[in-house]
Amino acid sequence: MTVVVSIKVYDGIVLAADSATTANLADPSGTIVDHQVWNNADKVFQLHRDLPIGLATWGGGHIQSASISTLAKDLRRRLMGRDANKQDWELDRSSYTVEEVAHRLVELMHGELYVNVPVAEAQVIGFLLAGYSGGAGHPEAWQVTLEPGQTPVPVQVWDTDAIGWRANGQPDAIARLLNGYGPGLQAGVQALVPQADHAVLQKVFEAEARAASVAQMPFADAIELAKFCVETTIGYFRFVPGTALVGGPVDVAAISRHEGFKWVQRKHYYPPELNPRRPHDHDQ
C-alpha cells in the first residue's frame, strides 16, 4: 500500500510518498493467506525534464506486465517528444495545460492498457498530477482513478487558488493527527444522530481540526511538513498490529514557479557516481 502526501502553499506544491509495495499471496484455492511487502517502489515522478509537472501514485503498482514507474517514464518520453510514434503528444511550452496532461495520462494508462485487464484482475490505481500550466502563476492538481469497469475522468482537486494538504492511499494516521479523528468516524457518528443535527455535528468535527498548512508557509517548511506526514504514517503502520503496508525510504519532490520540478529526497538503486548521465537517458 501507499501514502502520498501533497502540500500546496503560495510558493508551489510538494509531493511526498513512501516506497512500500504489497503483493497478495494466495493458497491453491485462491484465498489470500499472506502479504509480501517490498520497500523500494517508485511513486513520485517527474513528467517533463524542462517543465514543472509531477506525478504521484498509490494503489496498484502495475498494469499488465509493466510497473507504474515504467509507464510514467513512457508518458514522459511522449510529453517530451521523444517517442517517434507519438510526436503529437509533445507539449507546447507556452500553451500546455495540466488538464491536457491529465487526459494524456488517461489515454495511456487506461485507454491503451488498463481497459484490457480482466475486471477480476484489475486493481484500483490512483494518480495525482500536479504542476503549472504554461504561463500560469500558480499550480493546480488533478486526480485520476483507475477502477475496474469504469472509464476514468480527470477531476481537479486543487485549482490555482486552493491551499492546503491532501493524503491519498493510507490517510488514516495523518487524518487522526491533523483532523483529530480517523476517516470513518464522522460518517459513523452521523449515522447515529438525526439528520437535523448534522450541521451542528459538523461544527464539532471542524473544531477538532488543526490547520497545519497555511498559505504563507515558506516552501522549505512545506517540504518538511510533507516529509513529516509520510514518516508519521510509516511509524504508525510499523507499530499498529498487522503487516506494515507503508514503509521504506521517503521520496520528496518540490514544484515551484521559478525552480520548476526539483528532487528534494530520492532513493537510487544505482550509485550516481558510477552511472554518468547522457543527454537523453530515459531516467533523466
Foldseek 3Di string as FASTA:
>chain_A
DKKWKWFFALFFIKIKIWFKDKDFDADPVRHGDDIDIDGHHDFKDDLEPPFQKIKGKAKDQAFDPGGVVVLSLVNSCLCCCNDPVRNVNDDDQAAFALQSSVVVVLCRPPVVTNVPDPLVPDMKMKMKMKAGGHPDQFMWIWMWIDHRPDRTDIDTPGDRPDGAMDMPHDCQQVCCVAQVHGPPPLVVVCVVDDPVCNVVVVVVSNVSGDGPTDRPDPPVVSQVVSVVSLVSLQVVLVPDDDDSRGHHDMWMWTAGDPVRIDTPDDDDPDPPVVPDDDPDPSRD
